[in-house]
Amino acid sequence: MDRLPTLKQLRYFVALAEEGHYRKAAERAGISQPSLSLQIGNLEEVLRLQLVERGRAGAVLTPGGREVLARARRILGEVSALTETSDRIRTGLAGTIRLGSTPTSGPYLLPKVVRRLHELYPALRIFIRDGAPRDLLRDLLSGGHDLILVQLPVPSADVVVTRLYREPLRLAVARDHPLAGRRGVTDADLGGENILALSSVFALHSQIADVAEQVGATLSQDYQGTSLDTLRQMVAMGMGISFLPVLYVQSEVSVPDGDVVTVPFRRDRLARSIGLVWRKTAGENAAFAEIANVIRAVARENFGGLVSMES
């Protein structure tokens, strides 16, 4: 092969594969659609392989294109790690770290974590971006994030997973619901109830769906929330009951005269595991492990009575 693919071509190809449409991929890459098409064509010429089927359905990868996509993501991840490694090797935690987080956990924990990291490591900058777990993992593997804070498990063998803490899920009901005055609720109490959940892009969806099946309740299909605030508002209107993480409950629900009441379920044994995740190839295990230690310390100091630490 006389010529080699460029990093720019690989980035454009990954954008096209993930967006599934030339126009959207061009907008994401910040170039014109003809320029993107030209670069994809050049990449196919260099590789001597058709990567994309072009048609009315948008950009559909060929079998060869899917193979190239997996390798392109790994290459871009390696390059991203390379460009950000030298400062941290020389000086410890410094430079810029891009942290992705789910909106169901990050807003209630990360402000305190960032403050602590700035105190301990003034030369470190943290950029945080919320997103759905699937998008966070995709961006992590492609180099868009260095770390992600997510609910476990994570469906990838290419990452390092550090468990941080377990967070109970509390049953949320409207203030006038028959279960609102209970000190605790069992499986038998939920038979026939209508249970609301986030959309299936969130890990909480499958966890709550499993509970609904176990207790003989109905998982609502009419509407699936896009945020914990949406779920809380739907519960307040009497559209059903739901389960909310305790850090969210402490921040947004624990109001004496509020329209939503939370009740312990299964003695708070229904819980989700939160972890910090990074690429195996990142080469930053010591630095990232230190960030995990800071997150645990902040969670223990601020929420020790609510969550349980994991090692």
Protein backbone atom coordinates (compact mmCIF):
# COMPACT_ATOMS: atom_id res chain seq x y z
CA MET A 1 0.00 0.00 0.00
CA ASP A 2 1.70 3.18 -1.24
CA ARG A 3 -0.52 5.56 0.73
CA LEU A 4 -1.83 5.38 4.29
CA PRO A 5 -5.09 6.66 5.74
CA THR A 6 -4.90 10.00 7.53
CA LEU A 7 -6.25 10.64 11.00
CA LYS A 8 -8.59 13.21 9.49
CA GLN A 9 -10.07 10.60 7.16
CA LEU A 10 -10.56 8.20 10.06
CA ARG A 11 -12.28 10.88 12.17
CA TYR A 12 -14.64 11.73 9.33
CA PHE A 13 -15.39 8.07 8.72
CA VAL A 14 -16.19 7.47 12.40
CA ALA A 15 -18.45 10.54 12.40
CA LEU A 16 -20.28 9.26 9.33
CA ALA A 17 -20.67 5.78 10.79
CA GLU A 18 -22.09 7.13 14.05
CA GLU A 19 -24.41 9.71 12.50
CA GLY A 20 -25.56 7.50 9.62
CA HIS A 21 -26.02 10.51 7.35
CA TYR A 22 -23.56 12.60 5.34
CA ARG A 23 -25.13 15.95 6.21
CA LYS A 24 -25.22 15.27 9.95
CA ALA A 25 -21.68 13.91 9.91
CA ALA A 26 -20.45 16.98 8.02
CA GLU A 27 -22.11 19.29 10.54
CA ARG A 28 -20.51 17.37 13.39
CA ALA A 29 -17.09 17.54 11.72
CA GLY A 30 -17.48 21.23 10.89
CA ILE A 31 -16.96 20.83 7.14
CA SER A 32 -19.13 20.85 4.04
CA GLN A 33 -20.93 17.72 2.90
CA PRO A 34 -19.00 17.55 -0.41
CA SER A 35 -15.70 17.77 1.50
CA LEU A 36 -16.76 14.94 3.77
CA SER A 37 -17.82 12.80 0.81
CA LEU A 38 -14.48 13.47 -0.86
CA GLN A 39 -12.54 12.42 2.23
CA ILE A 40 -14.57 9.22 2.62
CA GLY A 41 -13.98 8.45 -1.05
CA ASN A 42 -10.24 9.05 -0.62
CA LEU A 43 -10.19 6.69 2.37
CA GLU A 44 -11.94 3.98 0.34
CA GLU A 45 -9.40 4.52 -2.44
CA VAL A 46 -6.46 4.23 -0.04
CA LEU A 47 -7.85 1.07 1.53
CA ARG A 48 -9.09 -0.30 -1.81
CA LEU A 49 -12.31 -1.20 -0.05
CA GLN A 50 -15.89 0.03 -0.20
CA LEU A 51 -16.80 1.18 3.29
CA VAL A 52 -20.24 2.73 2.82
CA GLU A 53 -23.38 1.87 0.90
CA ARG A 54 -24.88 5.06 -0.48
CA GLY A 55 -28.64 5.24 -0.86
CA ARG A 56 -31.87 6.80 0.29
CA ALA A 57 -31.51 5.20 3.73
CA GLY A 58 -28.41 7.28 4.38
CA ALA A 59 -24.93 5.91 4.95
CA VAL A 60 -24.95 2.19 5.72
CA LEU A 61 -21.64 0.48 6.45
CA THR A 62 -20.58 -2.52 4.42
CA PRO A 63 -19.24 -5.57 6.30
CA GLY A 64 -15.75 -4.29 5.51
CA GLY A 65 -16.75 -0.86 6.75
CA ARG A 66 -17.77 -2.29 10.11
CA GLU A 67 -14.37 -3.93 10.48
CA VAL A 68 -12.59 -0.69 9.59
CA LEU A 69 -14.80 1.27 12.01
CA ALA A 70 -13.72 -0.85 14.99
CA ARG A 71 -10.05 -0.36 14.15
CA ALA A 72 -10.49 3.35 13.40
CA ARG A 73 -12.01 3.91 16.84
CA ARG A 74 -9.10 2.15 18.51
CA ILE A 75 -6.56 4.15 16.50
CA LEU A 76 -8.20 7.47 17.34
CA GLY A 77 -8.41 6.50 20.99
CA GLU A 78 -4.69 5.68 21.05
CA VAL A 79 -3.80 8.97 19.38
CA SER A 80 -5.98 10.94 21.78
CA ALA A 81 -4.29 9.27 24.74
CA LEU A 82 -0.85 9.97 23.27
CA THR A 83 -1.45 13.69 22.88
CA GLU A 84 -2.56 14.11 26.51
CA THR A 85 -0.12 11.80 28.28
CA SER A 86 3.17 13.69 28.49
CA ASP A 87 2.14 16.42 30.96
CA ARG A 88 0.55 13.96 33.37
CA ILE A 89 3.58 11.67 33.23
CA ARG A 90 5.90 14.57 34.14
CA THR A 91 3.79 16.38 36.70
CA GLY A 92 1.08 14.02 37.91
CA LEU A 93 -2.53 15.14 37.55
CA ALA A 94 -2.30 18.12 35.20
CA GLY A 95 -3.57 19.20 31.83
CA THR A 96 -7.12 18.51 30.66
CA ILE A 97 -9.29 15.49 31.39
CA ARG A 98 -12.63 15.02 29.64
CA LEU A 99 -15.18 13.35 31.89
CA GLY A 100 -18.52 12.07 30.66
CA SER A 101 -21.34 11.47 33.10
CA THR A 102 -24.96 10.36 33.06
CA PRO A 103 -27.48 13.06 34.04
CA THR A 104 -28.91 10.69 36.65
CA SER A 105 -25.78 10.87 38.84
CA GLY A 106 -23.28 13.54 37.76
CA PRO A 107 -25.20 16.70 38.77
CA TYR A 108 -25.56 15.52 42.37
CA LEU A 109 -21.95 14.45 42.91
CA LEU A 110 -19.53 15.98 40.43
CA PRO A 111 -19.64 19.65 41.54
CA LYS A 112 -18.17 18.56 44.89
CA VAL A 113 -15.67 16.26 43.15
CA VAL A 114 -14.46 19.00 40.81
CA ARG A 115 -14.02 21.40 43.71
CA ARG A 116 -11.89 18.83 45.57
CA LEU A 117 -9.78 18.04 42.51
CA HIS A 118 -9.11 21.74 41.94
CA GLU A 119 -7.97 22.04 45.54
CA LEU A 120 -5.64 19.05 45.31
CA TYR A 121 -4.41 19.49 41.75
CA PRO A 122 -4.56 23.15 40.65
CA ALA A 123 -2.97 22.36 37.27
CA LEU A 124 -5.75 19.92 36.37
CA ARG A 125 -8.73 21.01 34.30
CA ILE A 126 -11.89 18.89 34.13
CA PHE A 127 -14.33 19.21 31.24
CA ILE A 128 -17.65 17.50 32.01
CA ARG A 129 -20.37 16.52 29.55
CA ASP A 130 -23.62 14.73 30.31
CA GLY A 131 -25.00 12.05 28.04
CA ALA A 132 -26.88 8.78 27.82
CA PRO A 133 -24.77 5.73 28.83
CA ARG A 134 -24.61 4.33 25.26
CA ASP A 135 -23.34 7.65 23.91
CA LEU A 136 -20.84 8.03 26.75
CA LEU A 137 -19.34 4.61 26.11
CA ARG A 138 -19.17 5.25 22.37
CA ASP A 139 -17.40 8.55 22.92
CA LEU A 140 -15.03 7.00 25.44
CA LEU A 141 -13.95 4.27 23.03
CA SER A 142 -13.47 6.78 20.19
CA GLY A 143 -11.41 9.14 22.35
CA GLY A 144 -14.08 11.78 22.93
CA HIS A 145 -13.93 11.17 26.70
CA ASP A 146 -11.03 10.14 28.92
CA LEU A 147 -13.27 8.89 31.72
CA ILE A 148 -16.97 8.21 32.18
CA LEU A 149 -18.98 8.04 35.39
CA VAL A 150 -21.81 5.58 34.75
CA GLN A 151 -24.05 2.93 36.17
CA LEU A 152 -22.51 -0.53 35.90
CA PRO A 153 -22.15 -2.94 34.21
CA VAL A 154 -20.56 -1.52 31.06
CA PRO A 155 -20.87 -3.70 27.92
CA SER A 156 -17.27 -3.55 26.65
CA ALA A 157 -14.12 -5.62 27.10
CA ASP A 158 -11.90 -2.70 26.09
CA VAL A 159 -12.24 -0.71 29.31
CA VAL A 160 -11.04 -0.62 32.90
CA VAL A 161 -13.89 -0.48 35.42
CA THR A 162 -13.39 0.85 38.95
CA ARG A 163 -16.36 0.41 41.26
CA LEU A 164 -17.08 3.45 43.43
CA TYR A 165 -20.29 3.04 45.44
CA ARG A 166 -23.73 1.46 45.56
CA GLU A 167 -26.69 3.82 45.56
CA PRO A 168 -30.11 2.64 46.78
CA LEU A 169 -33.22 3.33 44.72
CA ARG A 170 -36.19 4.67 46.66
CA LEU A 171 -39.80 4.10 45.72
CA ALA A 172 -41.42 7.41 44.70
CA VAL A 173 -45.19 7.87 44.97
CA ALA A 174 -47.59 10.81 44.93
CA ARG A 175 -48.30 12.28 48.35
CA ASP A 176 -51.90 11.01 48.25
CA HIS A 177 -50.91 7.48 47.15
CA PRO A 178 -51.91 4.66 49.58
CA LEU A 179 -48.22 3.69 50.00
CA ALA A 180 -47.09 7.21 50.88
CA GLY A 181 -47.39 6.72 54.63
CA ARG A 182 -45.51 3.44 54.81
CA ARG A 183 -42.15 3.06 56.58
CA GLY A 184 -41.19 0.42 54.06
CA VAL A 185 -42.63 -1.36 51.02
CA THR A 186 -42.32 -5.00 49.97
CA ASP A 187 -42.72 -6.73 46.60
CA ALA A 188 -46.26 -7.77 47.44
CA ASP A 189 -47.30 -4.14 47.93
CA LEU A 190 -46.51 -3.28 44.29
CA GLY A 191 -48.58 -5.93 42.51
CA GLY A 192 -50.69 -4.34 39.78
CA GLU A 193 -49.07 -0.90 40.09
CA ASN A 194 -48.10 1.15 37.03
CA ILE A 195 -44.33 1.76 37.16
CA LEU A 196 -42.69 4.63 35.27
CA ALA A 197 -39.10 4.43 34.03
CA LEU A 198 -36.56 6.37 32.05
CA SER A 199 -36.17 5.52 28.37
CA SER A 200 -34.26 2.38 27.39
CA VAL A 201 -31.06 4.32 26.64
CA PHE A 202 -30.53 4.54 30.41
CA ALA A 203 -29.27 1.62 32.49
CA LEU A 204 -31.95 2.37 35.08
CA HIS A 205 -34.61 1.37 32.56
CA SER A 206 -33.68 -2.31 32.46
CA GLN A 207 -33.19 -2.42 36.23
CA ILE A 208 -36.66 -1.01 36.89
CA ALA A 209 -38.17 -3.22 34.18
CA ASP A 210 -36.78 -6.27 35.97
CA VAL A 211 -38.32 -5.14 39.25
CA ALA A 212 -41.70 -4.57 37.60
CA GLU A 213 -41.67 -8.12 36.28
CA GLN A 214 -40.60 -9.57 39.63
CA VAL A 215 -43.37 -7.86 41.64
CA GLY A 216 -46.17 -8.32 39.11
CA ALA A 217 -46.44 -4.63 38.25
CA THR A 218 -46.88 -3.04 34.81
CA LEU A 219 -44.02 -1.14 33.22
CA SER A 220 -45.59 1.90 31.57
CA GLN A 221 -45.22 1.94 27.78
CA ASP A 222 -47.28 5.09 27.24
CA TYR A 223 -44.47 7.44 28.14
CA GLN A 224 -40.84 6.94 29.17
CA GLY A 225 -39.08 9.79 30.90
CA THR A 226 -35.97 11.49 29.57
CA SER A 227 -34.87 12.80 32.97
CA LEU A 228 -35.36 12.12 36.66
CA ASP A 229 -37.20 15.43 36.94
CA THR A 230 -39.68 14.22 34.33
CA LEU A 231 -40.29 11.00 36.28
CA ARG A 232 -40.84 12.95 39.50
CA GLN A 233 -43.37 15.24 37.84
CA MET A 234 -45.25 12.29 36.34
CA VAL A 235 -45.35 10.59 39.73
CA ALA A 236 -46.67 13.81 41.29
CA MET A 237 -49.51 13.88 38.76
CA GLY A 238 -50.56 10.36 39.73
CA MET A 239 -49.54 8.75 36.44
CA GLY A 240 -47.73 5.94 38.26
CA ILE A 241 -44.96 5.19 40.71
CA SER A 242 -41.23 5.01 40.08
CA PHE A 243 -37.81 4.43 41.60
CA LEU A 244 -35.36 7.30 42.12
CA PRO A 245 -31.67 7.24 43.17
CA VAL A 246 -31.15 8.51 46.71
CA LEU A 247 -28.71 11.28 45.72
CA TYR A 248 -31.39 12.72 43.47
CA VAL A 249 -33.97 12.24 46.21
CA GLN A 250 -31.84 14.15 48.72
CA SER A 251 -31.29 17.00 46.27
CA GLU A 252 -34.70 17.34 44.63
CA VAL A 253 -37.40 15.44 46.53
CA SER A 254 -36.72 15.73 50.26
CA VAL A 255 -39.11 18.60 50.89
CA PRO A 256 -41.53 18.19 53.87
CA ASP A 257 -44.55 19.52 51.98
CA GLY A 258 -43.59 18.29 48.49
CA ASP A 259 -45.98 16.55 46.12
CA VAL A 260 -43.84 13.38 45.94
CA VAL A 261 -42.96 11.04 48.82
CA THR A 262 -40.21 8.43 48.78
CA VAL A 263 -40.39 5.17 50.70
CA PRO A 264 -37.66 2.55 51.32
CA PHE A 265 -38.16 -0.58 49.17
CA ARG A 266 -36.72 -3.96 50.12
CA ARG A 267 -34.99 -2.23 53.04
CA ASP A 268 -32.93 -0.21 50.54
CA ARG A 269 -31.42 -3.36 49.06
CA LEU A 270 -32.51 -2.37 45.57
CA ALA A 271 -29.48 -0.35 44.47
CA ARG A 272 -27.38 0.51 41.47
CA SER A 273 -23.60 0.35 41.24
CA ILE A 274 -21.76 3.47 40.06
CA GLY A 275 -18.27 3.22 38.60
CA LEU A 276 -15.51 5.14 36.85
CA VAL A 277 -14.50 3.73 33.46
CA TRP A 278 -11.57 4.37 31.10
CA ARG A 279 -9.95 2.73 28.08
CA LYS A 280 -7.47 -0.07 28.70
CA THR A 281 -5.14 1.58 26.21
CA ALA A 282 -5.19 5.00 27.90
CA GLY A 283 -1.97 4.41 29.84
CA GLU A 284 -3.19 6.62 32.71
CA ASN A 285 -4.12 3.99 35.29
CA ALA A 286 -2.40 5.71 38.23
CA ALA A 287 -3.87 9.15 37.49
CA PHE A 288 -7.35 7.83 36.81
CA ALA A 289 -7.24 5.60 39.89
CA GLU A 290 -6.42 8.69 41.96
CA ILE A 291 -9.46 10.46 40.54
CA ALA A 292 -11.54 7.41 41.52
CA ASN A 293 -10.14 7.68 45.05
CA VAL A 294 -11.13 11.36 45.21
CA ILE A 295 -14.68 10.52 44.05
CA ARG A 296 -14.98 7.84 46.75
CA ALA A 297 -13.71 10.23 49.41
CA VAL A 298 -16.19 12.93 48.38
CA ALA A 299 -19.07 10.44 48.28
CA ARG A 300 -18.13 9.06 51.70
CA GLU A 301 -17.83 12.49 53.30
CA ASN A 302 -21.00 13.97 51.81
CA PHE A 303 -23.29 10.98 51.29
CA GLY A 304 -21.89 8.31 53.64
CA GLY A 305 -25.28 7.74 55.23
CA LEU A 306 -26.94 7.19 51.87
CA VAL A 307 -24.52 5.15 49.74
CA SER A 308 -22.14 2.29 50.48
CA MET A 309 -18.56 2.33 49.22
CA GLU A 310 -17.24 -0.35 46.88
CA SER A 311 -13.61 -1.28 46.32
